[in-house]
Amino acid sequence: MPHQHKYTNELIHSKSPYLLQHAHNPVNWMEWSHRAFRKAKKENKPILVSIGYS
C-alpha cells in the first residue's frame, strides 16, 4: 500500500531533488516564478524565500 501524505504542495512537480524534499510540507510552497509573484500580489500576501540550509 503506497504511503499517504496528509499534505502535498506544488513542489511535487519539481525536477529539483532539494525542492522535492519539501513537497509534503504543510506549507503551500511554490517554485520561484512570475506566477508565484502574481498570486502573492493578488492575494496581498508576503513572499517567503527559502534559499536552502546546510
Protein backbone atom coordinates (compact mmCIF):
# COMPACT_ATOMS: atom_id res chain seq x y z
CA MET A 1 0.00 0.00 0.00
CA PRO A 2 1.51 3.37 -1.01
CA HIS A 3 2.23 5.89 1.73
CA GLN A 4 -0.49 8.52 2.00
CA HIS A 5 0.66 12.06 2.75
CA LYS A 6 -1.55 14.48 4.63
CA TYR A 7 -0.18 17.44 2.65
CA THR A 8 1.11 17.82 -0.88
CA ASN A 9 2.06 21.17 -2.39
CA GLU A 10 3.11 22.29 -5.88
CA LEU A 11 6.71 21.23 -5.33
CA ILE A 12 5.61 17.66 -6.07
CA HIS A 13 6.01 18.62 -9.78
CA SER A 14 9.56 19.96 -9.35
CA LYS A 15 12.59 18.38 -11.01
CA SER A 16 14.83 19.57 -8.18
CA PRO A 17 15.73 16.92 -5.57
CA TYR A 18 16.02 19.68 -2.94
CA LEU A 19 12.52 21.03 -3.65
CA LEU A 20 11.01 17.55 -3.82
CA GLN A 21 12.12 17.01 -0.22
CA HIS A 22 9.57 19.67 0.76
CA ALA A 23 6.66 18.55 -1.42
CA HIS A 24 4.78 17.16 1.58
CA ASN A 25 5.40 20.03 3.99
CA PRO A 26 2.23 21.61 5.39
CA VAL A 27 3.17 24.86 3.63
CA ASN A 28 1.92 25.91 0.21
CA TRP A 29 5.44 26.22 -1.21
CA MET A 30 5.75 27.30 -4.84
CA GLU A 31 8.79 27.46 -7.07
CA TRP A 32 10.22 30.90 -7.86
CA SER A 33 8.18 32.18 -10.80
CA HIS A 34 6.18 35.09 -12.18
CA ARG A 35 3.05 33.12 -11.35
CA ALA A 36 4.05 32.93 -7.67
CA PHE A 37 4.55 36.71 -7.56
CA ARG A 38 1.23 37.38 -9.32
CA LYS A 39 -0.57 35.10 -6.86
CA ALA A 40 1.03 36.82 -3.84
CA LYS A 41 0.12 40.24 -5.21
CA LYS A 42 -3.46 39.21 -5.99
CA GLU A 43 -3.93 37.70 -2.50
CA ASN A 44 -2.00 40.55 -0.80
CA LYS A 45 0.36 38.06 0.84
CA PRO A 46 4.08 38.34 1.59
CA ILE A 47 6.66 36.18 -0.14
CA LEU A 48 8.86 33.96 2.00
CA VAL A 49 12.07 32.90 0.28
CA SER A 50 13.92 29.78 1.34
CA ILE A 51 17.43 29.57 -0.06
CA GLY A 52 18.30 26.24 1.48
CA TYR A 53 20.22 25.24 4.53
CA SER A 54 23.34 23.34 5.48
